[in-house]
PDB file of N, CA and C in Angstrom:
ATOM      1  N   MET A   1       0.847  -1.184   0.000  1.00  0.00           N
ATOM      2  CA  MET A   1       0.000   0.000   0.000  1.00  0.00           C
ATOM      3  C   MET A   1       0.887   1.240   0.000  1.00  0.00           C
ATOM      4  N   LEU A   2       0.616   2.139  -0.894  1.00  0.00           N
ATOM      5  CA  LEU A   2       1.350   3.396  -0.964  1.00  0.00           C
ATOM      6  C   LEU A   2       0.964   4.267   0.217  1.00  0.00           C
ATOM      7  N   PHE A   3       1.864   5.167   0.623  1.00  0.00           N
ATOM      8  CA  PHE A   3       1.479   6.129   1.662  1.00  0.00           C
ATOM      9  C   PHE A   3       0.170   6.791   1.238  1.00  0.00           C
ATOM     10  N   ARG A   4      -0.886   6.594   1.980  1.00  0.00           N
ATOM     11  CA  ARG A   4      -2.152   7.233   1.606  1.00  0.00           C
ATOM     12  C   ARG A   4      -2.045   8.733   1.787  1.00  0.00           C
ATOM     13  N   PHE A   5      -1.179   9.146   2.700  1.00  0.00           N
ATOM     14  CA  PHE A   5      -1.048  10.571   2.988  1.00  0.00           C
ATOM     15  C   PHE A   5      -0.032  11.272   2.095  1.00  0.00           C
ATOM     16  N   MET A   6       0.519  10.579   1.096  1.00  0.00           N
ATOM     17  CA  MET A   6       1.465  11.222   0.183  1.00  0.00           C
ATOM     18  C   MET A   6       0.748  12.159  -0.781  1.00  0.00           C
ATOM     19  N   ALA A   7      -0.516  11.928  -0.949  1.00  0.00           N
ATOM     20  CA  ALA A   7      -1.278  12.805  -1.834  1.00  0.00           C
ATOM     21  C   ALA A   7      -1.347  14.196  -1.220  1.00  0.00           C
ATOM     22  N   THR A   8      -1.289  15.203  -2.053  1.00  0.00           N
ATOM     23  CA  THR A   8      -1.429  16.570  -1.551  1.00  0.00           C
ATOM     24  C   THR A   8      -2.871  17.014  -1.706  1.00  0.00           C
ATOM     25  N   ILE A   9      -3.268  17.923  -0.862  1.00  0.00           N
ATOM     26  CA  ILE A   9      -4.617  18.465  -0.929  1.00  0.00           C
ATOM     27  C   ILE A   9      -4.538  19.965  -1.113  1.00  0.00           C
ATOM     28  N   TYR A  10      -5.561  20.522  -1.676  1.00  0.00           N
ATOM     29  CA  TYR A  10      -5.586  21.956  -1.899  1.00  0.00           C
ATOM     30  C   TYR A  10      -6.296  22.619  -0.726  1.00  0.00           C
ATOM     31  N   LYS A  11      -5.574  23.446  -0.005  1.00  0.00           N
ATOM     32  CA  LYS A  11      -6.161  24.171   1.114  1.00  0.00           C
ATOM     33  C   LYS A  11      -6.730  25.478   0.563  1.00  0.00           C
ATOM     34  N   LYS A  12      -8.015  25.520   0.363  1.00  0.00           N
ATOM     35  CA  LYS A  12      -8.639  26.666  -0.293  1.00  0.00           C
ATOM     36  C   LYS A  12      -8.373  27.973   0.441  1.00  0.00           C
ATOM     37  N   HIS A  13      -8.433  27.959   1.751  1.00  0.00           N
ATOM     38  CA  HIS A  13      -8.244  29.209   2.490  1.00  0.00           C
ATOM     39  C   HIS A  13      -6.791  29.677   2.455  1.00  0.00           C
ATOM     40  N   LEU A  14      -5.851  28.785   2.180  1.00  0.00           N
ATOM     41  CA  LEU A  14      -4.438  29.159   2.111  1.00  0.00           C
ATOM     42  C   LEU A  14      -3.953  29.300   0.670  1.00  0.00           C
ATOM     43  N   LYS A  15      -4.691  28.715  -0.256  1.00  0.00           N
ATOM     44  CA  LYS A  15      -4.403  28.785  -1.691  1.00  0.00           C
ATOM     45  C   LYS A  15      -3.031  28.237  -2.082  1.00  0.00           C
ATOM     46  N   TYR A  16      -2.671  27.098  -1.545  1.00  0.00           N
ATOM     47  CA  TYR A  16      -1.458  26.414  -1.989  1.00  0.00           C
ATOM     48  C   TYR A  16      -1.597  24.917  -1.743  1.00  0.00           C
ATOM     49  N   LEU A  17      -0.800  24.159  -2.454  1.00  0.00           N
ATOM     50  CA  LEU A  17      -0.794  22.713  -2.239  1.00  0.00           C
ATOM     51  C   LEU A  17      -0.050  22.413  -0.951  1.00  0.00           C
ATOM     52  N   PHE A  18      -0.568  21.487  -0.198  1.00  0.00           N
ATOM     53  CA  PHE A  18      -0.025  21.202   1.118  1.00  0.00           C
ATOM     54  C   PHE A  18      -0.040  19.697   1.329  1.00  0.00           C
ATOM     55  N   CYS A  19       1.087  19.134   1.658  1.00  0.00           N
ATOM     56  CA  CYS A  19       1.160  17.701   1.930  1.00  0.00           C
ATOM     57  C   CYS A  19       0.561  17.427   3.306  1.00  0.00           C
ATOM     58  N   VAL A  20      -0.422  16.559   3.366  1.00  0.00           N
ATOM     59  CA  VAL A  20      -1.107  16.286   4.626  1.00  0.00           C
ATOM     60  C   VAL A  20      -0.203  15.626   5.666  1.00  0.00           C
ATOM     61  N   LEU A  21       0.941  15.138   5.250  1.00  0.00           N
ATOM     62  CA  LEU A  21       1.880  14.554   6.220  1.00  0.00           C
ATOM     63  C   LEU A  21       2.304  15.565   7.277  1.00  0.00           C
ATOM     64  N   TYR A  22       2.395  16.818   6.905  1.00  0.00           N
ATOM     65  CA  TYR A  22       2.802  17.840   7.867  1.00  0.00           C
ATOM     66  C   TYR A  22       1.792  17.967   9.001  1.00  0.00           C
ATOM     67  N   ASP A  23       0.528  17.800   8.701  1.00  0.00           N
ATOM     68  CA  ASP A  23      -0.497  17.846   9.744  1.00  0.00           C
ATOM     69  C   ASP A  23      -0.412  16.641  10.669  1.00  0.00           C
ATOM     70  N   GLU A  24       0.229  15.573  10.194  1.00  0.00           N
ATOM     71  CA  GLU A  24       0.342  14.342  10.973  1.00  0.00           C
ATOM     72  C   GLU A  24       1.710  14.205  11.644  1.00  0.00           C
ATOM     73  N   ALA A  25       2.437  15.320  11.776  1.00  0.00           N
ATOM     74  CA  ALA A  25       3.717  15.399  12.500  1.00  0.00           C
ATOM     75  C   ALA A  25       4.906  14.788  11.773  1.00  0.00           C
ATOM     76  N   TYR A  26       4.777  14.558  10.469  1.00  0.00           N
ATOM     77  CA  TYR A  26       5.923  14.084   9.694  1.00  0.00           C
ATOM     78  C   TYR A  26       6.725  15.305   9.252  1.00  0.00           C
ATOM     79  N   THR A  27       8.017  15.319   9.556  1.00  0.00           N
ATOM     80  CA  THR A  27       8.863  16.462   9.200  1.00  0.00           C
ATOM     81  C   THR A  27       9.945  16.088   8.203  1.00  0.00           C
ATOM     82  N   SER A  28      10.208  14.818   8.030  1.00  0.00           N
ATOM     83  CA  SER A  28      11.201  14.339   7.076  1.00  0.00           C
ATOM     84  C   SER A  28      10.679  13.024   6.518  1.00  0.00           C
ATOM     85  N   ILE A  29      10.397  13.014   5.243  1.00  0.00           N
ATOM     86  CA  ILE A  29       9.747  11.856   4.643  1.00  0.00           C
ATOM     87  C   ILE A  29      10.765  11.001   3.905  1.00  0.00           C
ATOM     88  N   GLY A  30      10.805   9.740   4.294  1.00  0.00           N
ATOM     89  CA  GLY A  30      11.699   8.796   3.635  1.00  0.00           C
ATOM     90  C   GLY A  30      10.884   7.660   3.061  1.00  0.00           C
ATOM     91  N   HIS A  31      11.289   6.461   3.363  1.00  0.00           N
ATOM     92  CA  HIS A  31      10.611   5.249   2.907  1.00  0.00           C
ATOM     93  C   HIS A  31       9.514   4.889   3.907  1.00  0.00           C
ATOM     94  N   VAL A  32       8.536   4.155   3.454  1.00  0.00           N
ATOM     95  CA  VAL A  32       7.435   3.731   4.317  1.00  0.00           C
ATOM     96  C   VAL A  32       7.939   2.951   5.537  1.00  0.00           C
ATOM     97  N   ASN A  33       9.078   2.270   5.419  1.00  0.00           N
ATOM     98  CA  ASN A  33       9.607   1.461   6.519  1.00  0.00           C
ATOM     99  C   ASN A  33      10.512   2.219   7.478  1.00  0.00           C
ATOM    100  N   ASP A  34      10.867   3.476   7.171  1.00  0.00           N
ATOM    101  CA  ASP A  34      11.779   4.184   8.074  1.00  0.00           C
ATOM    102  C   ASP A  34      11.305   5.588   8.447  1.00  0.00           C
ATOM    103  N   THR A  35      10.034   5.859   8.231  1.00  0.00           N
ATOM    104  CA  THR A  35       9.502   7.182   8.525  1.00  0.00           C
ATOM    105  C   THR A  35       8.374   7.076   9.544  1.00  0.00           C
ATOM    106  N   ILE A  36       8.488   7.854  10.605  1.00  0.00           N
ATOM    107  CA  ILE A  36       7.478   7.884  11.663  1.00  0.00           C
ATOM    108  C   ILE A  36       7.160   9.341  11.983  1.00  0.00           C
ATOM    109  N   PRO A  37       6.040   9.601  12.665  1.00  0.00           N
ATOM    110  CA  PRO A  37       5.800  10.971  13.111  1.00  0.00           C
ATOM    111  C   PRO A  37       6.970  11.423  13.993  1.00  0.00           C
ATOM    112  N   ASN A  38       7.300  12.691  13.916  1.00  0.00           N
ATOM    113  CA  ASN A  38       8.434  13.212  14.673  1.00  0.00           C
ATOM    114  C   ASN A  38       8.143  13.117  16.176  1.00  0.00           C
ATOM    115  N   PRO A  39       8.932  12.344  16.921  1.00  0.00           N
ATOM    116  CA  PRO A  39       8.705  12.175  18.356  1.00  0.00           C
ATOM    117  C   PRO A  39       8.749  13.494  19.126  1.00  0.00           C
ATOM    118  N   SER A  40       9.448  14.474  18.603  1.00  0.00           N
ATOM    119  CA  SER A  40       9.545  15.781  19.262  1.00  0.00           C
ATOM    120  C   SER A  40       8.216  16.524  19.241  1.00  0.00           C
ATOM    121  N   LEU A  41       7.295  16.077  18.414  1.00  0.00           N
ATOM    122  CA  LEU A  41       5.998  16.740  18.295  1.00  0.00           C
ATOM    123  C   LEU A  41       4.891  16.035  19.076  1.00  0.00           C
ATOM    124  N   LEU A  42       5.255  15.029  19.842  1.00  0.00           N
ATOM    125  CA  LEU A  42       4.255  14.328  20.651  1.00  0.00           C
ATOM    126  C   LEU A  42       3.843  15.199  21.833  1.00  0.00           C
ATOM    127  N   ASP A  43       2.562  15.442  21.958  1.00  0.00           N
ATOM    128  CA  ASP A  43       2.019  16.163  23.109  1.00  0.00           C
ATOM    129  C   ASP A  43       1.701  15.105  24.164  1.00  0.00           C
ATOM    130  N   VAL A  44       2.543  15.011  25.174  1.00  0.00           N
ATOM    131  CA  VAL A  44       2.385  13.941  26.169  1.00  0.00           C
ATOM    132  C   VAL A  44       1.096  14.080  26.971  1.00  0.00           C
ATOM    133  N   SER A  45       0.550  15.280  27.061  1.00  0.00           N
ATOM    134  CA  SER A  45      -0.685  15.462  27.829  1.00  0.00           C
ATOM    135  C   SER A  45      -1.896  14.862  27.119  1.00  0.00           C
ATOM    136  N   THR A  46      -1.833  14.778  25.790  1.00  0.00           N
ATOM    137  CA  THR A  46      -2.962  14.222  25.037  1.00  0.00           C
ATOM    138  C   THR A  46      -2.623  12.905  24.345  1.00  0.00           C
ATOM    139  N   GLY A  47      -1.326  12.621  24.199  1.00  0.00           N
ATOM    140  CA  GLY A  47      -0.905  11.427  23.478  1.00  0.00           C
ATOM    141  C   GLY A  47      -1.025  11.574  21.972  1.00  0.00           C
ATOM    142  N   LYS A  48      -1.249  12.799  21.504  1.00  0.00           N
ATOM    143  CA  LYS A  48      -1.388  13.066  20.070  1.00  0.00           C
ATOM    144  C   LYS A  48      -0.209  13.895  19.582  1.00  0.00           C
ATOM    145  N   TYR A  49       0.008  13.836  18.280  1.00  0.00           N
ATOM    146  CA  TYR A  49       1.100  14.585  17.670  1.00  0.00           C
ATOM    147  C   TYR A  49       0.614  15.943  17.172  1.00  0.00           C
ATOM    148  N   LEU A  50       1.476  16.939  17.317  1.00  0.00           N
ATOM    149  CA  LEU A  50       1.196  18.277  16.806  1.00  0.00           C
ATOM    150  C   LEU A  50       1.629  18.363  15.346  1.00  0.00           C
ATOM    151  N   PRO A  51       1.046  19.275  14.577  1.00  0.00           N
ATOM    152  CA  PRO A  51       1.488  19.470  13.191  1.00  0.00           C
ATOM    153  C   PRO A  51       2.949  19.901  13.133  1.00  0.00           C
ATOM    154  N   ALA A  52       3.593  19.658  12.016  1.00  0.00           N
ATOM    155  CA  ALA A  52       5.027  19.917  11.842  1.00  0.00           C
ATOM    156  C   ALA A  52       5.431  21.352  12.134  1.00  0.00           C
ATOM    157  N   TYR A  53       4.563  22.318  11.860  1.00  0.00           N
ATOM    158  CA  TYR A  53       4.954  23.714  12.080  1.00  0.00           C
ATOM    159  C   TYR A  53       5.169  24.052  13.551  1.00  0.00           C
ATOM    160  N   HIS A  54       4.822  23.154  14.452  1.00  0.00           N
ATOM    161  CA  HIS A  54       5.075  23.366  15.881  1.00  0.00           C
ATOM    162  C   HIS A  54       6.505  23.008  16.288  1.00  0.00           C
ATOM    163  N   LEU A  55       7.263  22.400  15.395  1.00  0.00           N
ATOM    164  CA  LEU A  55       8.643  22.026  15.715  1.00  0.00           C
ATOM    165  C   LEU A  55       9.466  23.294  15.932  1.00  0.00           C
ATOM    166  N   LYS A  56       9.992  23.463  17.131  1.00  0.00           N
ATOM    167  CA  LYS A  56      10.725  24.676  17.482  1.00  0.00           C
ATOM    168  C   LYS A  56      12.218  24.585  17.167  1.00  0.00           C
ATOM    169  N   ASP A  57      12.774  23.400  17.215  1.00  0.00           N
ATOM    170  CA  ASP A  57      14.210  23.211  17.001  1.00  0.00           C
ATOM    171  C   ASP A  57      14.438  22.521  15.658  1.00  0.00           C
ATOM    172  N   GLY A  58      14.917  23.280  14.687  1.00  0.00           N
ATOM    173  CA  GLY A  58      15.129  22.751  13.345  1.00  0.00           C
ATOM    174  C   GLY A  58      16.106  21.597  13.272  1.00  0.00           C
ATOM    175  N   THR A  59      16.977  21.471  14.276  1.00  0.00           N
ATOM    176  CA  THR A  59      17.931  20.361  14.265  1.00  0.00           C
ATOM    177  C   THR A  59      17.239  19.021  14.526  1.00  0.00           C
ATOM    178  N   LEU A  60      15.990  19.057  14.964  1.00  0.00           N
ATOM    179  CA  LEU A  60      15.232  17.831  15.236  1.00  0.00           C
ATOM    180  C   LEU A  60      14.352  17.414  14.058  1.00  0.00           C
ATOM    181  N   GLU A  61      14.504  18.095  12.938  1.00  0.00           N
ATOM    182  CA  GLU A  61      13.666  17.867  11.766  1.00  0.00           C
ATOM    183  C   GLU A  61      13.699  16.407  11.302  1.00  0.00           C
ATOM    184  N   ARG A  62      14.824  15.745  11.397  1.00  0.00           N
ATOM    185  CA  ARG A  62      14.938  14.353  10.935  1.00  0.00           C
ATOM    186  C   ARG A  62      14.721  13.327  12.053  1.00  0.00           C
ATOM    187  N   SER A  63      14.208  13.758  13.180  1.00  0.00           N
ATOM    188  CA  SER A  63      13.957  12.832  14.294  1.00  0.00           C
ATOM    189  C   SER A  63      12.893  11.789  13.970  1.00  0.00           C
ATOM    190  N   GLY A  64      12.125  12.015  12.941  1.00  0.00           N
ATOM    191  CA  GLY A  64      11.099  11.060  12.537  1.00  0.00           C
ATOM    192  C   GLY A  64      11.606  10.015  11.563  1.00  0.00           C
ATOM    193  N   ARG A  65      12.906   9.966  11.350  1.00  0.00           N
ATOM    194  CA  ARG A  65      13.499   8.973  10.449  1.00  0.00           C
ATOM    195  C   ARG A  65      14.238   7.951  11.298  1.00  0.00           C
ATOM    196  N   LEU A  66      13.904   6.697  11.130  1.00  0.00           N
ATOM    197  CA  LEU A  66      14.548   5.629  11.888  1.00  0.00           C
ATOM    198  C   LEU A  66      15.952   5.383  11.351  1.00  0.00           C
ATOM    199  N   LYS A  67      16.863   5.081  12.244  1.00  0.00           N
ATOM    200  CA  LYS A  67      18.249   4.779  11.863  1.00  0.00           C
ATOM    201  C   LYS A  67      18.316   3.361  11.315  1.00  0.00           C
ATOM    202  N   LYS A  68      19.124   3.178  10.293  1.00  0.00           N
ATOM    203  CA  LYS A  68      19.322   1.839   9.736  1.00  0.00           C
ATOM    204  C   LYS A  68      20.260   1.054  10.638  1.00  0.00           C
ATOM    205  N   VAL A  69      19.898  -0.185  10.912  1.00  0.00           N
ATOM    206  CA  VAL A  69      20.728  -1.058  11.731  1.00  0.00           C
ATOM    207  C   VAL A  69      21.794  -1.667  10.832  1.00  0.00           C
ATOM    208  N   GLN A  70      23.035  -1.551  11.245  1.00  0.00           N
ATOM    209  CA  GLN A  70      24.159  -2.075  10.453  1.00  0.00           C
ATOM    210  C   GLN A  70      24.513  -3.474  10.900  1.00  0.00           C
TER     211      GLN A  70
END
């Protein structure tokens, strides 16, 4: 199954194409087997992830990519 969220949607009120992955806390998109929502965006009080634009530290942008085991 292809990433269902890889499709972009048109946000009429913003007037631009927007990948829905950003709303689901994905900040760095790789392969289906090594990409997860960015752990830095987990709201522990609700157990839900915040959208990508809430990421305050740009150095954590790739935190949602799993490391390959050697």
